[in-house]
Amino acid sequence: MKNEYIDHLKPGGPWNLEMFLNEENQLHLLFYLKQKDDALLDQKIDVSQLAMSSHVLYDFTEGQIRLNVVPKLKAAQPEAIELTADNFGLNHMCFNRSAVIYNETYYLGDYTGFGERLKTGVPGLNNVELSLKPLKDWQPIGTYYKGTIHVGLEGDHLLKILRVGIGPSGFENGGPFIVYGKITPAKKTQEKASEDAIERLKRTHGKPPWNQYLDQLIQTKQESPYATTSAGTIGSNYRPPIHLLNAIGTPTSGHKCGSLR
């Protein structure tokens, strides 16, 4: 503020009070009658800590002219932001057993990993590649909001991925953000996907003590029209910088993203 006039003051008014922030982010006060060279007060106040302070501008027989400084922060209005901070992985997705749901009914599996893109899909329907930034010639195909990715498929079908975080810490409170990607016809049939899923069950649950559940799991896969996702991959189009690798490790180091919520 400049040239704020204080009238009807004694002696000799009107007085001039100038306040402005200098290059060091200090509040610079000037209090003078006619010329700045004759200023009665020329003071710099540190307001970086938002501490209140009181300053006597002038003493005279009838009292004092005092300035009380009360720093405040003006609340910013929330605005949509674009995730472009590649160097810190803030537009990467953090999958920590993130469940894939088809048509709000069928659980197709889950993903764990950290990367800027995911390739997944529904056998017999579509393959889906997605990212929080427009890679290659990708177009908007869905949205991310508070930990959930929504992608609309042909025939009014819906693919959802739950518990998807943003950045190495896996924050899930952001959005809505655009999800970019491409949707193509699936190459694997539902029958072939079901056969592959059953073979995996036999390999992982074929020995004690898990073999007691094998028949039940196989029956569940056979009865479900959507047994599993297409083979999924999580990756990046570039090697992350060293400070990001130090924070989350490499795909083979055993580190996981999503340590914070």
Protein backbone atom coordinates (compact mmCIF):
# COMPACT_ATOMS: atom_id res chain seq x y z
CA MET A 1 0.00 0.00 0.00
CA LYS A 2 1.25 3.45 -0.83
CA ASN A 3 0.22 6.98 0.06
CA GLU A 4 -2.30 6.13 2.75
CA TYR A 5 -3.06 9.51 4.33
CA ILE A 6 -3.65 9.95 8.05
CA ASP A 7 -5.57 13.22 8.48
CA HIS A 8 -6.31 15.47 11.46
CA LEU A 9 -3.19 14.54 13.36
CA LYS A 10 -1.07 16.93 15.37
CA PRO A 11 1.33 18.47 14.79
CA GLY A 12 1.38 19.59 11.20
CA GLY A 13 -0.65 16.83 9.43
CA PRO A 14 -1.63 15.29 7.13
CA TRP A 15 0.88 12.43 7.52
CA ASN A 16 1.91 9.84 4.96
CA LEU A 17 2.24 6.11 5.64
CA GLU A 18 3.75 3.81 3.00
CA MET A 19 3.97 0.02 3.36
CA PHE A 20 5.38 -2.38 0.80
CA LEU A 21 7.21 -5.71 0.60
CA ASN A 22 10.87 -5.43 -0.35
CA GLU A 23 12.99 -7.97 -2.20
CA GLU A 24 13.71 -9.84 1.06
CA ASN A 25 9.96 -10.25 1.68
CA GLN A 26 10.14 -7.79 4.55
CA LEU A 27 7.38 -5.29 5.23
CA HIS A 28 9.01 -1.86 4.77
CA LEU A 29 7.34 1.01 6.68
CA LEU A 30 7.82 4.69 5.95
CA PHE A 31 6.02 7.33 8.07
CA TYR A 32 6.65 10.98 7.20
CA LEU A 33 5.05 14.41 7.09
CA LYS A 34 6.17 15.94 3.79
CA GLN A 35 9.41 14.42 2.55
CA LYS A 36 10.60 10.81 2.80
CA ASP A 37 14.02 12.12 3.75
CA ASP A 38 12.48 13.43 6.99
CA ALA A 39 10.74 10.18 7.86
CA LEU A 40 10.00 9.75 11.56
CA LEU A 41 9.90 5.97 11.05
CA ASP A 42 11.84 3.92 8.51
CA GLN A 43 11.61 0.30 9.57
CA LYS A 44 11.67 -3.17 8.06
CA ILE A 45 9.54 -5.94 9.61
CA ASP A 46 9.98 -9.66 9.01
CA VAL A 47 6.53 -11.10 8.26
CA SER A 48 7.70 -14.49 6.97
CA GLN A 49 6.76 -16.22 10.26
CA LEU A 50 3.25 -14.69 10.29
CA ALA A 51 3.90 -13.26 13.78
CA MET A 52 1.88 -10.28 15.04
CA SER A 53 3.77 -7.12 16.01
CA SER A 54 3.01 -3.57 17.18
CA HIS A 55 5.01 -0.45 16.25
CA VAL A 56 4.88 3.12 17.56
CA LEU A 57 4.86 5.50 14.61
CA TYR A 58 4.82 8.76 16.60
CA ASP A 59 4.53 9.95 20.20
CA PHE A 60 2.90 13.26 21.07
CA THR A 61 1.19 14.80 24.09
CA GLU A 62 -2.27 13.55 23.19
CA GLY A 63 -1.18 9.95 22.74
CA GLN A 64 0.51 7.70 20.22
CA ILE A 65 0.11 6.72 16.60
CA ARG A 66 0.61 2.96 16.63
CA LEU A 67 0.58 0.40 13.82
CA ASN A 68 -0.42 -3.20 14.54
CA VAL A 69 0.81 -5.71 11.94
CA VAL A 70 -1.25 -8.93 11.70
CA PRO A 71 0.00 -11.10 8.78
CA LYS A 72 -2.57 -13.44 7.24
CA LEU A 73 -2.61 -15.96 4.41
CA LYS A 74 -5.36 -15.65 1.88
CA ALA A 75 -6.89 -19.07 1.13
CA ALA A 76 -6.42 -20.02 -2.51
CA GLN A 77 -9.33 -21.34 -4.52
CA PRO A 78 -8.79 -24.94 -5.67
CA GLU A 79 -8.05 -25.28 -9.37
CA ALA A 80 -7.52 -28.23 -11.65
CA ILE A 81 -3.84 -29.03 -12.15
CA GLU A 82 -1.93 -30.90 -14.80
CA LEU A 83 0.39 -33.68 -13.69
CA THR A 84 3.64 -32.86 -15.46
CA ALA A 85 6.36 -33.27 -12.81
CA ASP A 86 8.22 -36.13 -14.53
CA ASN A 87 11.43 -35.78 -12.53
CA PHE A 88 9.73 -36.67 -9.26
CA GLY A 89 7.32 -39.28 -10.57
CA LEU A 90 4.29 -37.26 -9.50
CA ASN A 91 2.35 -38.29 -12.58
CA HIS A 92 3.20 -41.97 -12.12
CA MET A 93 0.66 -44.43 -10.76
CA CYS A 94 1.25 -46.45 -7.61
CA PHE A 95 -0.45 -49.86 -7.68
CA ASN A 96 -0.53 -51.67 -4.35
CA ARG A 97 -2.78 -54.71 -4.86
CA SER A 98 -5.04 -52.41 -6.89
CA ALA A 99 -8.18 -54.38 -7.79
CA VAL A 100 -9.60 -54.47 -11.33
CA ILE A 101 -13.41 -54.56 -11.40
CA TYR A 102 -15.56 -55.09 -14.52
CA ASN A 103 -19.13 -53.77 -14.66
CA GLU A 104 -19.19 -53.25 -10.87
CA THR A 105 -19.54 -57.05 -10.50
CA TYR A 106 -16.56 -59.12 -11.62
CA TYR A 107 -13.21 -59.02 -9.87
CA LEU A 108 -10.54 -59.73 -12.49
CA GLY A 109 -7.37 -59.55 -10.42
CA ASP A 110 -5.01 -56.91 -9.05
CA TYR A 111 -1.73 -55.15 -9.82
CA THR A 112 1.25 -54.11 -7.73
CA GLY A 113 3.98 -51.84 -9.08
CA PHE A 114 4.92 -48.28 -9.96
CA GLY A 115 5.00 -46.73 -13.42
CA GLU A 116 3.64 -44.10 -15.78
CA ARG A 117 1.51 -46.54 -17.79
CA LEU A 118 -0.51 -49.72 -17.35
CA LYS A 119 -1.56 -52.26 -19.95
CA THR A 120 -4.50 -54.43 -18.97
CA GLY A 121 -7.83 -55.49 -20.39
CA VAL A 122 -10.85 -57.81 -20.39
CA PRO A 123 -10.40 -61.04 -22.40
CA GLY A 124 -12.91 -61.31 -25.20
CA LEU A 125 -13.66 -57.61 -25.06
CA ASN A 126 -10.88 -55.00 -24.98
CA ASN A 127 -7.25 -54.36 -24.22
CA VAL A 128 -6.64 -51.08 -22.41
CA GLU A 129 -3.48 -49.00 -22.08
CA LEU A 130 -3.67 -45.99 -19.79
CA SER A 131 -1.62 -43.25 -18.16
CA LEU A 132 -2.04 -39.97 -16.29
CA LYS A 133 -0.33 -38.14 -19.13
CA PRO A 134 -0.80 -38.26 -22.92
CA LEU A 135 1.83 -40.72 -24.16
CA LYS A 136 2.34 -41.20 -27.90
CA ASP A 137 -0.96 -40.44 -29.65
CA TRP A 138 -3.15 -41.36 -26.70
CA GLN A 139 -6.48 -39.64 -26.15
CA PRO A 140 -8.63 -39.13 -23.02
CA ILE A 141 -10.38 -42.41 -22.22
CA GLY A 142 -11.39 -42.01 -18.57
CA THR A 143 -10.88 -40.25 -15.27
CA TYR A 144 -8.97 -40.64 -12.02
CA TYR A 145 -10.64 -39.50 -8.83
CA LYS A 146 -9.64 -40.19 -5.22
CA GLY A 147 -7.84 -43.46 -5.87
CA THR A 148 -10.12 -44.94 -8.54
CA ILE A 149 -9.65 -45.06 -12.31
CA HIS A 150 -12.82 -45.23 -14.43
CA VAL A 151 -12.61 -46.25 -18.09
CA GLY A 152 -15.68 -46.67 -20.31
CA LEU A 153 -15.54 -49.60 -22.77
CA GLU A 154 -17.66 -50.38 -25.80
CA GLY A 155 -21.28 -51.33 -25.20
CA ASP A 156 -21.57 -49.15 -22.07
CA HIS A 157 -19.28 -51.44 -20.09
CA LEU A 158 -17.12 -50.06 -17.30
CA LEU A 159 -13.62 -50.93 -16.14
CA LYS A 160 -12.58 -49.70 -12.69
CA ILE A 161 -9.22 -49.97 -10.95
CA LEU A 162 -9.40 -49.40 -7.20
CA ARG A 163 -6.71 -48.16 -4.79
CA VAL A 164 -4.50 -46.44 -7.35
CA GLY A 165 -2.16 -43.88 -5.80
CA ILE A 166 -0.26 -40.98 -7.34
CA GLY A 167 3.50 -40.58 -6.97
CA PRO A 168 5.94 -42.72 -4.95
CA SER A 169 3.96 -42.27 -1.73
CA GLY A 170 0.70 -43.37 -3.33
CA PHE A 171 -1.55 -40.48 -2.33
CA GLU A 172 -5.17 -41.28 -3.18
CA ASN A 173 -6.92 -37.96 -2.55
CA GLY A 174 -6.33 -36.19 -5.87
CA GLY A 175 -8.47 -35.48 -8.86
CA PRO A 176 -10.43 -35.46 -10.90
CA PHE A 177 -7.65 -35.96 -13.46
CA ILE A 178 -7.84 -37.05 -17.08
CA VAL A 179 -6.75 -40.61 -17.84
CA TYR A 180 -5.17 -40.94 -21.28
CA GLY A 181 -4.74 -44.10 -23.28
CA LYS A 182 -6.07 -46.29 -26.04
CA ILE A 183 -8.63 -49.10 -26.22
CA THR A 184 -8.21 -51.91 -28.75
CA PRO A 185 -10.01 -55.21 -29.40
CA ALA A 186 -8.84 -58.07 -27.18
CA LYS A 187 -6.72 -60.76 -28.85
CA LYS A 188 -7.31 -63.41 -26.18
CA THR A 189 -10.72 -65.03 -25.85
CA GLN A 190 -12.48 -65.52 -22.55
CA GLU A 191 -12.09 -69.29 -22.92
CA LYS A 192 -8.35 -69.06 -23.45
CA ALA A 193 -7.98 -66.64 -20.53
CA SER A 194 -9.93 -69.02 -18.29
CA GLU A 195 -7.72 -71.96 -19.32
CA ASP A 196 -4.57 -69.96 -18.59
CA ALA A 197 -5.93 -68.86 -15.21
CA ILE A 198 -6.68 -72.47 -14.25
CA GLU A 199 -3.17 -73.55 -15.23
CA ARG A 200 -1.74 -70.82 -13.01
CA LEU A 201 -3.91 -72.00 -10.13
CA LYS A 202 -2.61 -75.54 -10.54
CA ARG A 203 0.98 -74.28 -10.44
CA THR A 204 0.50 -72.05 -7.39
CA HIS A 205 -2.04 -74.15 -5.43
CA GLY A 206 -1.18 -77.68 -6.50
CA LYS A 207 0.86 -78.56 -3.42
CA PRO A 208 -0.05 -78.81 0.28
CA PRO A 209 -1.45 -77.00 2.12
CA TRP A 210 -3.01 -74.95 -0.69
CA ASN A 211 -4.18 -77.92 -2.78
CA GLN A 212 -7.19 -78.37 -0.46
CA TYR A 213 -8.63 -75.21 -2.07
CA LEU A 214 -7.66 -76.03 -5.66
CA ASP A 215 -10.92 -77.64 -6.82
CA GLN A 216 -12.98 -74.79 -5.36
CA LEU A 217 -10.82 -72.16 -7.02
CA ILE A 218 -10.95 -73.93 -10.38
CA GLN A 219 -14.74 -74.16 -10.16
CA THR A 220 -14.95 -70.44 -9.41
CA LYS A 221 -12.85 -69.64 -12.49
CA GLN A 222 -14.92 -71.93 -14.71
CA GLU A 223 -18.22 -70.42 -13.57
CA SER A 224 -17.15 -66.80 -13.99
CA PRO A 225 -17.69 -65.35 -17.48
CA TYR A 226 -14.77 -63.00 -16.84
CA ALA A 227 -12.13 -65.10 -15.15
CA THR A 228 -9.20 -62.73 -15.19
CA THR A 229 -7.59 -59.68 -16.78
CA SER A 230 -5.45 -59.81 -19.85
CA ALA A 231 -1.76 -60.18 -19.08
CA GLY A 232 -0.85 -56.81 -17.58
CA THR A 233 2.34 -54.79 -17.61
CA ILE A 234 3.36 -51.69 -15.66
CA GLY A 235 6.14 -49.59 -17.11
CA SER A 236 7.70 -46.27 -17.99
CA ASN A 237 8.89 -44.69 -21.22
CA TYR A 238 12.09 -43.46 -19.59
CA ARG A 239 14.41 -44.42 -16.75
CA PRO A 240 13.40 -42.61 -13.54
CA PRO A 241 16.00 -40.23 -12.05
CA ILE A 242 18.27 -41.45 -9.28
CA HIS A 243 16.48 -39.60 -6.45
CA LEU A 244 13.24 -41.36 -7.39
CA LEU A 245 14.92 -44.76 -7.56
CA ASN A 246 16.40 -44.12 -4.12
CA ALA A 247 12.91 -43.41 -2.78
CA ILE A 248 11.03 -46.42 -4.18
CA GLY A 249 13.75 -48.78 -5.39
CA THR A 250 13.83 -50.58 -8.72
CA PRO A 251 11.35 -53.23 -9.91
CA THR A 252 13.65 -55.95 -8.56
CA SER A 253 14.77 -54.37 -5.29
CA GLY A 254 11.72 -55.36 -3.27
CA HIS A 255 10.63 -51.78 -2.50
CA LYS A 256 6.98 -50.85 -2.78
CA CYS A 257 5.29 -47.55 -3.45
CA GLY A 258 2.36 -46.46 -1.37
CA SER A 259 3.95 -46.05 2.05
CA LEU A 260 1.69 -43.05 2.82
CA ARG A 261 -2.02 -42.43 2.49
